[in-house]
Each structure stands twice: as C-alpha cells, then as structure tokens.
N, C-alpha and C. Protein backbone atom coordinates (compact mmCIF):
# COMPACT_ATOMS: atom_id res chain seq x y z
N MET A 1 0.90 -1.18 0.00
CA MET A 1 -0.05 0.00 -0.02
C MET A 1 0.85 1.23 0.05
N ILE A 2 0.56 2.19 -0.80
CA ILE A 2 1.26 3.44 -0.82
C ILE A 2 0.72 4.45 0.24
N LYS A 3 1.63 4.97 0.99
CA LYS A 3 1.22 5.82 1.99
C LYS A 3 1.19 7.23 1.35
N MET A 4 -0.02 7.80 1.19
CA MET A 4 -0.19 9.00 0.39
C MET A 4 -0.28 10.21 1.26
N GLU A 5 -0.24 10.14 2.54
CA GLU A 5 -0.13 11.33 3.44
C GLU A 5 1.33 11.36 3.91
N PRO A 6 2.21 12.12 3.22
CA PRO A 6 3.63 11.92 3.46
C PRO A 6 4.03 12.54 4.83
N GLU A 7 5.23 12.00 5.27
CA GLU A 7 5.90 12.56 6.38
C GLU A 7 6.81 13.69 5.71
N VAL A 8 6.86 14.87 6.39
CA VAL A 8 7.67 15.92 5.93
C VAL A 8 8.89 16.09 6.77
N VAL A 9 10.16 15.98 6.18
CA VAL A 9 11.32 16.04 6.92
C VAL A 9 12.19 17.14 6.44
N ALA A 10 13.12 17.64 7.34
CA ALA A 10 14.12 18.60 6.88
C ALA A 10 15.49 17.95 6.63
N LEU A 11 16.08 18.25 5.50
CA LEU A 11 17.42 17.63 5.15
C LEU A 11 18.34 18.72 4.95
N LYS A 12 19.66 18.42 5.17
CA LYS A 12 20.73 19.30 4.86
C LYS A 12 21.11 19.22 3.44
N GLU A 13 21.81 20.14 2.95
CA GLU A 13 22.38 20.05 1.53
C GLU A 13 23.17 18.72 1.35
N MET A 14 23.02 18.17 0.17
CA MET A 14 23.62 16.95 -0.18
C MET A 14 24.23 17.17 -1.62
N ARG A 15 25.30 16.53 -1.91
CA ARG A 15 25.97 16.47 -3.10
C ARG A 15 25.90 15.00 -3.76
N ILE A 16 25.24 14.83 -4.84
CA ILE A 16 25.08 13.47 -5.35
C ILE A 16 25.92 13.44 -6.78
N GLY A 17 26.61 12.45 -6.82
CA GLY A 17 27.58 12.19 -8.05
C GLY A 17 27.15 10.93 -8.72
N GLY A 18 26.98 11.00 -10.07
CA GLY A 18 26.70 9.74 -10.84
C GLY A 18 26.53 9.93 -12.34
N VAL A 19 25.87 8.93 -12.96
CA VAL A 19 25.61 9.09 -14.33
C VAL A 19 24.24 9.75 -14.52
N TYR A 20 24.08 10.50 -15.80
CA TYR A 20 22.88 11.27 -15.88
C TYR A 20 22.38 11.36 -17.33
N ILE A 21 21.19 11.73 -17.54
CA ILE A 21 20.57 12.00 -18.88
C ILE A 21 19.72 13.10 -18.73
N GLU A 22 19.48 13.66 -19.90
CA GLU A 22 18.31 14.74 -19.94
C GLU A 22 17.14 14.09 -20.44
N ALA A 23 15.97 14.08 -19.79
CA ALA A 23 14.76 13.44 -20.17
C ALA A 23 13.65 14.22 -19.71
N THR A 24 12.45 13.68 -19.73
CA THR A 24 11.17 14.28 -19.23
C THR A 24 10.86 13.65 -17.87
N GLU A 25 10.08 14.40 -17.02
CA GLU A 25 9.75 13.89 -15.71
C GLU A 25 8.93 12.57 -15.96
N LYS A 26 8.19 12.46 -17.00
CA LYS A 26 7.25 11.31 -17.15
C LYS A 26 8.09 10.11 -17.77
N ASP A 27 9.30 10.22 -18.20
CA ASP A 27 9.99 9.28 -18.82
C ASP A 27 10.67 8.18 -17.79
N CYS A 28 9.68 7.46 -17.16
CA CYS A 28 10.16 6.53 -16.14
C CYS A 28 9.39 5.31 -16.37
N GLY A 29 9.79 4.22 -15.70
CA GLY A 29 9.07 2.81 -15.83
C GLY A 29 9.85 2.02 -16.83
N PRO A 30 9.41 0.85 -16.97
CA PRO A 30 10.07 -0.08 -17.86
C PRO A 30 10.29 0.35 -19.32
N GLN A 31 11.50 0.14 -19.93
CA GLN A 31 11.75 0.39 -21.27
C GLN A 31 11.60 2.05 -21.55
N SER A 32 12.20 2.71 -20.61
CA SER A 32 12.20 4.16 -20.64
C SER A 32 13.60 4.69 -20.58
N ALA A 33 13.78 5.99 -20.59
CA ALA A 33 15.15 6.56 -20.55
C ALA A 33 15.62 6.28 -19.03
N ALA A 34 14.82 6.23 -18.01
CA ALA A 34 15.25 5.96 -16.75
C ALA A 34 15.74 4.47 -16.61
N ASP A 35 15.01 3.57 -17.40
CA ASP A 35 15.44 2.25 -17.42
C ASP A 35 16.86 2.10 -17.99
N GLU A 36 17.00 2.74 -19.15
CA GLU A 36 18.35 2.82 -19.84
C GLU A 36 19.38 3.32 -18.96
N LEU A 37 19.13 4.40 -18.12
CA LEU A 37 20.04 4.96 -17.21
C LEU A 37 20.40 3.97 -16.23
N TRP A 38 19.49 3.23 -15.63
CA TRP A 38 19.78 2.13 -14.65
C TRP A 38 20.72 1.20 -15.27
N ARG A 39 20.62 0.74 -16.48
CA ARG A 39 21.52 -0.19 -17.12
C ARG A 39 22.87 0.41 -17.32
N ALA A 40 22.95 1.70 -17.52
CA ALA A 40 24.22 2.38 -17.75
C ALA A 40 24.92 2.44 -16.38
N PHE A 41 24.16 2.79 -15.25
CA PHE A 41 24.69 2.80 -13.94
C PHE A 41 25.27 1.50 -13.49
N ARG A 42 24.51 0.44 -13.71
CA ARG A 42 24.99 -0.86 -13.20
C ARG A 42 26.13 -1.32 -13.90
N GLY A 43 26.37 -0.98 -15.27
CA GLY A 43 27.40 -1.50 -16.09
C GLY A 43 28.56 -0.51 -16.08
N SER A 44 28.58 0.58 -15.38
CA SER A 44 29.60 1.55 -15.45
C SER A 44 30.70 1.36 -14.41
N ALA A 45 31.86 1.78 -14.78
CA ALA A 45 32.87 1.97 -13.71
C ALA A 45 32.40 3.19 -13.02
N ARG A 46 32.61 3.23 -11.76
CA ARG A 46 32.14 4.49 -10.99
C ARG A 46 32.76 5.69 -11.46
N CYS A 47 32.05 6.81 -11.51
CA CYS A 47 32.54 7.98 -12.05
C CYS A 47 33.16 9.07 -11.13
N PHE A 48 33.86 8.62 -10.16
CA PHE A 48 34.34 9.57 -9.15
C PHE A 48 35.85 9.57 -9.12
N ASN A 49 36.40 10.65 -8.62
CA ASN A 49 37.85 10.71 -8.33
C ASN A 49 38.02 10.82 -6.91
N LYS A 50 39.32 10.89 -6.49
CA LYS A 50 39.65 10.86 -5.09
C LYS A 50 38.95 12.08 -4.17
N GLU A 51 38.73 13.19 -4.96
CA GLU A 51 38.27 14.37 -4.32
C GLU A 51 36.75 14.36 -4.20
N ALA A 52 36.08 13.38 -4.83
CA ALA A 52 34.68 13.26 -4.80
C ALA A 52 34.10 11.80 -4.67
N GLU A 53 34.59 11.16 -3.64
CA GLU A 53 34.30 9.83 -3.36
C GLU A 53 32.98 9.64 -2.74
N PRO A 54 32.28 8.59 -3.04
CA PRO A 54 30.88 8.19 -2.48
C PRO A 54 31.07 8.17 -0.91
N LYS A 55 30.18 8.67 -0.13
CA LYS A 55 30.17 8.49 1.26
C LYS A 55 29.96 7.04 1.67
N ASN A 56 29.01 6.44 0.85
CA ASN A 56 28.57 5.09 1.24
C ASN A 56 27.92 4.53 -0.09
N PRO A 57 28.28 3.24 -0.53
CA PRO A 57 27.66 2.77 -1.73
C PRO A 57 26.22 2.47 -1.66
N ILE A 58 25.67 2.41 -0.41
CA ILE A 58 24.37 2.17 -0.11
C ILE A 58 23.93 3.24 0.69
N PRO A 59 22.90 4.04 0.43
CA PRO A 59 21.91 3.98 -0.52
C PRO A 59 22.36 4.57 -1.86
N THR A 60 21.51 4.20 -2.88
CA THR A 60 21.65 4.74 -4.22
C THR A 60 20.47 5.81 -4.37
N TYR A 61 20.89 6.93 -5.04
CA TYR A 61 19.89 7.99 -5.23
C TYR A 61 19.53 8.03 -6.72
N VAL A 62 18.23 8.23 -7.02
CA VAL A 62 17.80 8.76 -8.43
C VAL A 62 17.34 10.09 -8.17
N VAL A 63 18.09 11.13 -8.81
CA VAL A 63 17.80 12.54 -8.60
C VAL A 63 17.15 13.10 -9.81
N TYR A 64 16.10 13.93 -9.60
CA TYR A 64 15.42 14.78 -10.65
C TYR A 64 15.68 16.20 -10.38
N THR A 65 16.44 16.80 -11.31
CA THR A 65 16.77 18.22 -10.96
C THR A 65 16.84 19.03 -12.30
N GLU A 66 17.06 20.34 -12.22
CA GLU A 66 17.15 21.25 -13.40
C GLU A 66 15.87 21.12 -14.21
N TYR A 67 14.69 21.18 -13.57
CA TYR A 67 13.41 21.11 -14.14
C TYR A 67 13.19 22.20 -15.15
N ASN A 68 12.60 21.91 -16.25
CA ASN A 68 12.01 22.88 -17.14
C ASN A 68 10.48 22.81 -17.04
N ARG A 69 9.94 23.78 -16.48
CA ARG A 69 8.52 23.73 -16.15
C ARG A 69 7.56 24.01 -17.32
N SER A 70 8.05 23.97 -18.54
CA SER A 70 7.28 24.15 -19.70
C SER A 70 6.47 22.79 -20.02
N GLU A 71 5.74 22.71 -20.98
CA GLU A 71 4.99 21.56 -21.31
C GLU A 71 5.73 20.43 -21.52
N ASP A 72 7.04 20.37 -22.03
CA ASP A 72 7.69 19.26 -22.29
C ASP A 72 8.17 18.58 -21.14
N GLY A 73 8.33 19.35 -19.87
CA GLY A 73 8.67 18.71 -18.62
C GLY A 73 10.13 18.15 -18.54
N LYS A 74 10.96 18.73 -19.32
CA LYS A 74 12.36 18.28 -19.28
C LYS A 74 13.01 18.52 -18.08
N CYS A 75 13.88 17.54 -17.68
CA CYS A 75 14.69 17.59 -16.41
C CYS A 75 16.00 16.74 -16.63
N THR A 76 16.83 16.88 -15.60
CA THR A 76 18.00 15.97 -15.53
C THR A 76 17.70 14.85 -14.61
N ILE A 77 17.93 13.65 -15.03
CA ILE A 77 17.78 12.46 -14.15
C ILE A 77 19.05 11.85 -13.94
N MET A 78 19.56 11.57 -12.71
CA MET A 78 20.83 11.11 -12.40
C MET A 78 20.78 9.96 -11.38
N ILE A 79 21.56 8.99 -11.54
CA ILE A 79 21.64 7.83 -10.58
C ILE A 79 23.08 7.87 -9.99
N GLY A 80 23.11 7.86 -8.67
CA GLY A 80 24.48 7.83 -8.10
C GLY A 80 24.38 7.74 -6.56
N HIS A 81 25.42 8.36 -5.93
CA HIS A 81 25.55 8.21 -4.42
C HIS A 81 25.96 9.60 -3.98
N GLU A 82 25.69 9.79 -2.68
CA GLU A 82 26.13 11.06 -2.02
C GLU A 82 27.64 11.09 -2.07
N VAL A 83 28.25 12.15 -2.30
CA VAL A 83 29.78 12.24 -2.35
C VAL A 83 30.29 13.23 -1.36
N THR A 84 31.60 13.02 -1.08
CA THR A 84 32.35 13.83 -0.19
C THR A 84 33.14 14.88 -0.99
N GLY A 85 33.82 15.86 -0.29
CA GLY A 85 34.73 16.69 -1.03
C GLY A 85 34.22 17.61 -2.03
N ARG A 86 35.09 18.42 -2.67
CA ARG A 86 34.65 19.41 -3.65
C ARG A 86 35.08 18.94 -5.06
N GLY A 87 35.66 17.80 -5.23
CA GLY A 87 36.13 17.45 -6.53
C GLY A 87 35.00 17.13 -7.50
N GLY A 88 35.31 16.90 -8.69
CA GLY A 88 34.32 16.58 -9.73
C GLY A 88 34.46 15.12 -10.12
N PRO A 89 33.43 14.80 -11.01
CA PRO A 89 33.41 13.42 -11.45
C PRO A 89 34.49 13.17 -12.58
N ALA A 90 34.82 11.95 -12.64
CA ALA A 90 35.81 11.54 -13.62
C ALA A 90 35.05 10.65 -14.67
N GLY A 91 35.03 10.98 -15.94
CA GLY A 91 34.33 10.15 -16.85
C GLY A 91 33.25 10.80 -17.65
N ASP A 92 32.99 10.33 -18.83
CA ASP A 92 31.97 10.84 -19.67
C ASP A 92 30.59 10.49 -19.09
N GLY A 93 29.59 11.35 -19.25
CA GLY A 93 28.31 11.02 -18.79
C GLY A 93 28.11 11.04 -17.41
N CYS A 94 29.01 11.69 -16.62
CA CYS A 94 29.00 11.73 -15.12
C CYS A 94 29.08 13.17 -14.68
N ARG A 95 28.37 13.44 -13.63
CA ARG A 95 28.47 14.79 -12.92
C ARG A 95 28.06 14.75 -11.51
N ILE A 96 28.25 15.90 -10.91
CA ILE A 96 27.67 16.07 -9.51
C ILE A 96 26.73 17.16 -9.49
N VAL A 97 25.55 16.89 -8.74
CA VAL A 97 24.55 17.88 -8.53
C VAL A 97 24.34 18.23 -7.01
N ARG A 98 23.92 19.41 -6.79
CA ARG A 98 23.75 19.74 -5.37
C ARG A 98 22.25 19.80 -5.16
N LEU A 99 21.81 19.10 -4.03
CA LEU A 99 20.48 19.23 -3.58
C LEU A 99 20.49 20.15 -2.34
N PRO A 100 19.74 21.24 -2.48
CA PRO A 100 19.78 22.26 -1.47
C PRO A 100 19.17 21.81 -0.13
N LYS A 101 19.53 22.44 0.99
CA LYS A 101 18.84 22.23 2.19
C LYS A 101 17.37 22.56 2.00
N SER A 102 16.53 21.64 2.40
CA SER A 102 15.03 21.84 2.14
C SER A 102 14.25 20.97 3.04
N HIS A 103 12.97 21.17 2.98
CA HIS A 103 11.94 20.29 3.55
C HIS A 103 11.49 19.39 2.37
N TYR A 104 11.26 18.13 2.73
CA TYR A 104 10.81 17.19 1.73
C TYR A 104 9.62 16.38 2.24
N ALA A 105 8.71 16.27 1.37
CA ALA A 105 7.60 15.28 1.56
C ALA A 105 8.10 13.91 1.14
N VAL A 106 7.95 12.90 2.04
CA VAL A 106 8.47 11.59 1.79
C VAL A 106 7.32 10.57 1.54
N PHE A 107 7.22 10.00 0.38
CA PHE A 107 6.34 8.97 -0.09
C PHE A 107 6.95 7.74 -0.14
N THR A 108 6.32 6.63 0.16
CA THR A 108 6.86 5.20 0.20
C THR A 108 6.07 4.46 -0.91
N THR A 109 6.72 3.75 -1.71
CA THR A 109 6.05 2.99 -2.68
C THR A 109 5.52 1.61 -1.95
N ARG A 110 4.68 0.98 -2.71
CA ARG A 110 4.31 -0.39 -2.27
C ARG A 110 5.57 -1.24 -2.71
N ARG A 111 5.56 -2.61 -2.18
CA ARG A 111 6.61 -3.45 -2.60
C ARG A 111 6.23 -4.01 -4.01
N GLY A 112 7.25 -4.06 -4.92
CA GLY A 112 7.17 -4.59 -6.25
C GLY A 112 8.43 -4.31 -7.09
N PRO A 113 8.19 -4.48 -8.40
CA PRO A 113 9.37 -4.10 -9.34
C PRO A 113 9.67 -2.63 -9.26
N ALA A 114 10.88 -2.25 -8.96
CA ALA A 114 11.21 -0.86 -8.76
C ALA A 114 10.83 0.11 -9.80
N LEU A 115 11.00 -0.15 -10.99
CA LEU A 115 10.69 0.83 -12.00
C LEU A 115 9.05 1.00 -12.11
N LYS A 116 8.35 -0.14 -11.91
CA LYS A 116 6.92 -0.03 -11.98
C LYS A 116 6.33 0.67 -10.78
N VAL A 117 6.83 0.33 -9.54
CA VAL A 117 6.17 0.96 -8.35
C VAL A 117 6.65 2.41 -8.24
N THR A 118 7.78 2.87 -8.66
CA THR A 118 8.22 4.28 -8.61
C THR A 118 7.30 5.05 -9.59
N ALA A 119 7.19 4.56 -10.80
CA ALA A 119 6.26 5.23 -11.79
C ALA A 119 4.96 5.40 -11.29
N GLU A 120 4.41 4.43 -10.69
CA GLU A 120 3.10 4.38 -10.13
C GLU A 120 2.89 5.43 -9.02
N THR A 121 3.96 5.45 -8.18
CA THR A 121 3.87 6.45 -7.00
C THR A 121 3.96 7.79 -7.50
N TRP A 122 4.89 8.05 -8.58
CA TRP A 122 5.00 9.46 -9.07
C TRP A 122 3.65 10.03 -9.64
N ARG A 123 2.93 9.04 -10.20
CA ARG A 123 1.61 9.54 -10.79
C ARG A 123 0.73 9.80 -9.56
N MET A 124 0.71 9.08 -8.56
CA MET A 124 -0.08 9.40 -7.30
C MET A 124 0.44 10.68 -6.74
N ILE A 125 1.70 10.93 -6.70
CA ILE A 125 2.28 12.16 -6.13
C ILE A 125 1.66 13.36 -6.89
N ASP A 126 1.66 13.27 -8.25
CA ASP A 126 1.09 14.32 -9.01
C ASP A 126 -0.41 14.63 -8.53
N VAL A 127 -1.10 13.63 -8.42
CA VAL A 127 -2.52 13.88 -7.92
C VAL A 127 -2.60 14.46 -6.49
N TYR A 128 -1.71 13.93 -5.65
CA TYR A 128 -1.54 14.58 -4.30
C TYR A 128 -1.29 15.92 -4.30
N PHE A 129 -0.30 16.41 -5.04
CA PHE A 129 -0.04 17.88 -5.05
C PHE A 129 -0.99 18.77 -5.77
N ALA A 130 -1.87 18.22 -6.52
CA ALA A 130 -2.92 19.05 -7.23
C ALA A 130 -3.90 19.54 -6.10
N ALA A 131 -4.00 18.77 -4.92
CA ALA A 131 -4.99 19.19 -3.94
C ALA A 131 -4.30 19.53 -2.62
N SER A 132 -3.05 19.50 -2.48
CA SER A 132 -2.27 19.70 -1.27
C SER A 132 -2.02 21.07 -0.98
N SER A 133 -1.89 21.45 0.35
CA SER A 133 -1.50 22.78 0.78
C SER A 133 0.07 22.99 0.54
N TYR A 134 0.77 21.93 0.44
CA TYR A 134 2.26 22.02 0.12
C TYR A 134 2.38 22.39 -1.29
N ARG A 135 3.47 23.14 -1.59
CA ARG A 135 3.89 23.54 -2.95
C ARG A 135 5.19 22.82 -3.19
N ARG A 136 5.29 22.26 -4.36
CA ARG A 136 6.58 21.70 -4.80
C ARG A 136 7.54 22.77 -5.18
N ARG A 137 8.80 22.50 -4.75
CA ARG A 137 9.85 23.61 -4.93
C ARG A 137 10.58 23.33 -6.35
N TYR A 138 10.59 22.22 -6.89
CA TYR A 138 11.38 21.87 -8.11
C TYR A 138 12.86 22.17 -8.10
N THR A 139 13.42 22.09 -6.86
CA THR A 139 14.89 22.32 -6.65
C THR A 139 15.60 21.00 -6.86
N GLY A 140 14.90 19.99 -6.79
CA GLY A 140 15.71 18.65 -6.76
C GLY A 140 14.83 17.67 -5.96
N ASP A 141 14.41 16.66 -6.56
CA ASP A 141 13.61 15.53 -5.88
C ASP A 141 14.49 14.29 -6.03
N PHE A 142 14.29 13.27 -5.21
CA PHE A 142 14.97 12.08 -5.37
C PHE A 142 14.29 10.80 -4.83
N GLU A 143 14.66 9.65 -5.36
CA GLU A 143 14.17 8.37 -4.98
C GLU A 143 15.44 7.81 -4.16
N LEU A 144 15.06 7.26 -3.04
CA LEU A 144 16.12 6.72 -2.20
C LEU A 144 16.06 5.19 -2.15
N TYR A 145 17.00 4.52 -2.62
CA TYR A 145 17.13 2.97 -2.85
C TYR A 145 17.98 2.44 -1.66
N ASP A 146 17.48 1.93 -0.61
CA ASP A 146 18.30 1.48 0.40
C ASP A 146 18.13 -0.01 0.52
N ALA A 147 18.34 -0.73 1.70
CA ALA A 147 18.35 -2.10 1.77
C ALA A 147 16.96 -2.78 1.34
N ARG A 148 15.90 -1.98 1.55
CA ARG A 148 14.70 -2.55 1.10
C ARG A 148 14.49 -2.60 -0.43
N ALA A 149 15.42 -2.07 -1.15
CA ALA A 149 15.43 -2.11 -2.64
C ALA A 149 16.51 -2.93 -3.16
N SER A 150 17.08 -3.72 -2.29
CA SER A 150 18.30 -4.58 -2.88
C SER A 150 17.89 -5.47 -3.91
N ASP A 151 16.66 -5.94 -4.02
CA ASP A 151 16.13 -6.78 -5.07
C ASP A 151 15.25 -5.84 -5.94
N PRO A 152 15.71 -5.51 -7.15
CA PRO A 152 14.90 -4.48 -7.98
C PRO A 152 13.60 -5.06 -8.42
N ASP A 153 13.38 -6.36 -8.36
CA ASP A 153 12.07 -6.88 -8.67
C ASP A 153 11.16 -7.10 -7.45
N ASN A 154 11.63 -6.70 -6.26
CA ASN A 154 10.84 -6.79 -5.04
C ASN A 154 11.29 -5.60 -4.09
N ALA A 155 10.98 -4.48 -4.56
CA ALA A 155 11.66 -3.24 -3.92
C ALA A 155 10.54 -2.36 -3.23
N VAL A 156 11.04 -1.74 -2.12
CA VAL A 156 10.21 -0.60 -1.56
C VAL A 156 11.25 0.56 -1.64
N VAL A 157 10.73 1.72 -2.14
CA VAL A 157 11.48 2.97 -2.47
C VAL A 157 10.88 4.15 -1.73
N ASP A 158 11.68 5.04 -1.09
CA ASP A 158 11.20 6.24 -0.65
C ASP A 158 11.42 7.31 -1.57
N ILE A 159 10.39 8.18 -1.95
CA ILE A 159 10.53 9.19 -2.85
C ILE A 159 10.42 10.65 -2.01
N TYR A 160 11.38 11.38 -2.24
CA TYR A 160 11.51 12.71 -1.48
C TYR A 160 11.26 13.87 -2.46
N VAL A 161 10.21 14.64 -2.16
CA VAL A 161 9.75 15.78 -2.97
C VAL A 161 9.96 17.07 -2.26
N ALA A 162 10.79 17.94 -2.80
CA ALA A 162 11.12 19.21 -2.18
C ALA A 162 9.89 20.08 -2.06
N VAL A 163 9.50 20.57 -0.85
CA VAL A 163 8.27 21.33 -0.61
C VAL A 163 8.56 22.57 0.11
N GLU A 164 7.60 23.52 -0.06
CA GLU A 164 7.59 24.75 0.79
C GLU A 164 6.24 24.94 1.49
C-alpha cells in the first residue's frame, strides 16, 4: 500500500554524483530513459575521483533536477551516490549535482518491481500535489534506494519531493 499522506522531513544540503541523462519527468518505468540509465549505472565503472568519493555505496539516489516547467517537462535524471569533497566526477556522462537544504515530503512505494512501483507512485504524487497545501519547489527531488530495494524486482523505495 502506498502511503499518500507523506511525512515531511528537513534535510541538509547533499551532493550526489553519478551518471545522468536529460529526459522528461514522465520518462520513467520499464523500457524508458530511466530504465536505460539504470543499465548504464549498473554497467559503469564508478565516475568519481579521489576528491569526490561516495560517502557510502548504499543507498543509491535517483535525482530529478534542473526542471524545465514548460509543457515538455524536461529535467536532468541522475543515478548515483552522495559524495564527499569538492572534486568533480571523472568520466563521460558523469556529474555532481547539489540538492539544497530543504523540507521534503516523503512518499513510500508499495513493494514490487522498482521501475513499476516508482512510476506508479510518481503518478499518485502528481494527484496528491494538485490538492495539497504543500507546494513543490522543483529544486531537486529524489528516490532513495536502500536495503529495502536490494532486489529490484521486489523493492520498496522512498521518494523525496522538495516542498515549501
């Protein structure tokens, strides 16, 4: 069951480094740009140098940032880890993004195939915000893949949406 009344939490600034693509917010689910990005992430040598090493290989973050609020809904989607230091990524198709200090509404998916349950929950999040007193900030949202998502065919994922 998807918990649709989110918990709101305050988080400090984070820096996430990983592989990325330019896509649309709706380009998720099986056989999508997000699915292709997951394959690239799993098959890549890590894209970090000594100055920007991952703090921890678990959890994995899927970050949605640099939103274009026009009708095409383009944004940057990145899969990676929280990183330390001020260095930059090493390698093509890699970068570091900054998620600002913010309040986040946290939604939890039901258990199931990760790409399917996250796409389903994002659709429900859109409905939730259409009637919510919270306003999305569009400064950077993310999916958090922790130990509950170690099996991508039987995962539970938390989705953090920046709010004001």
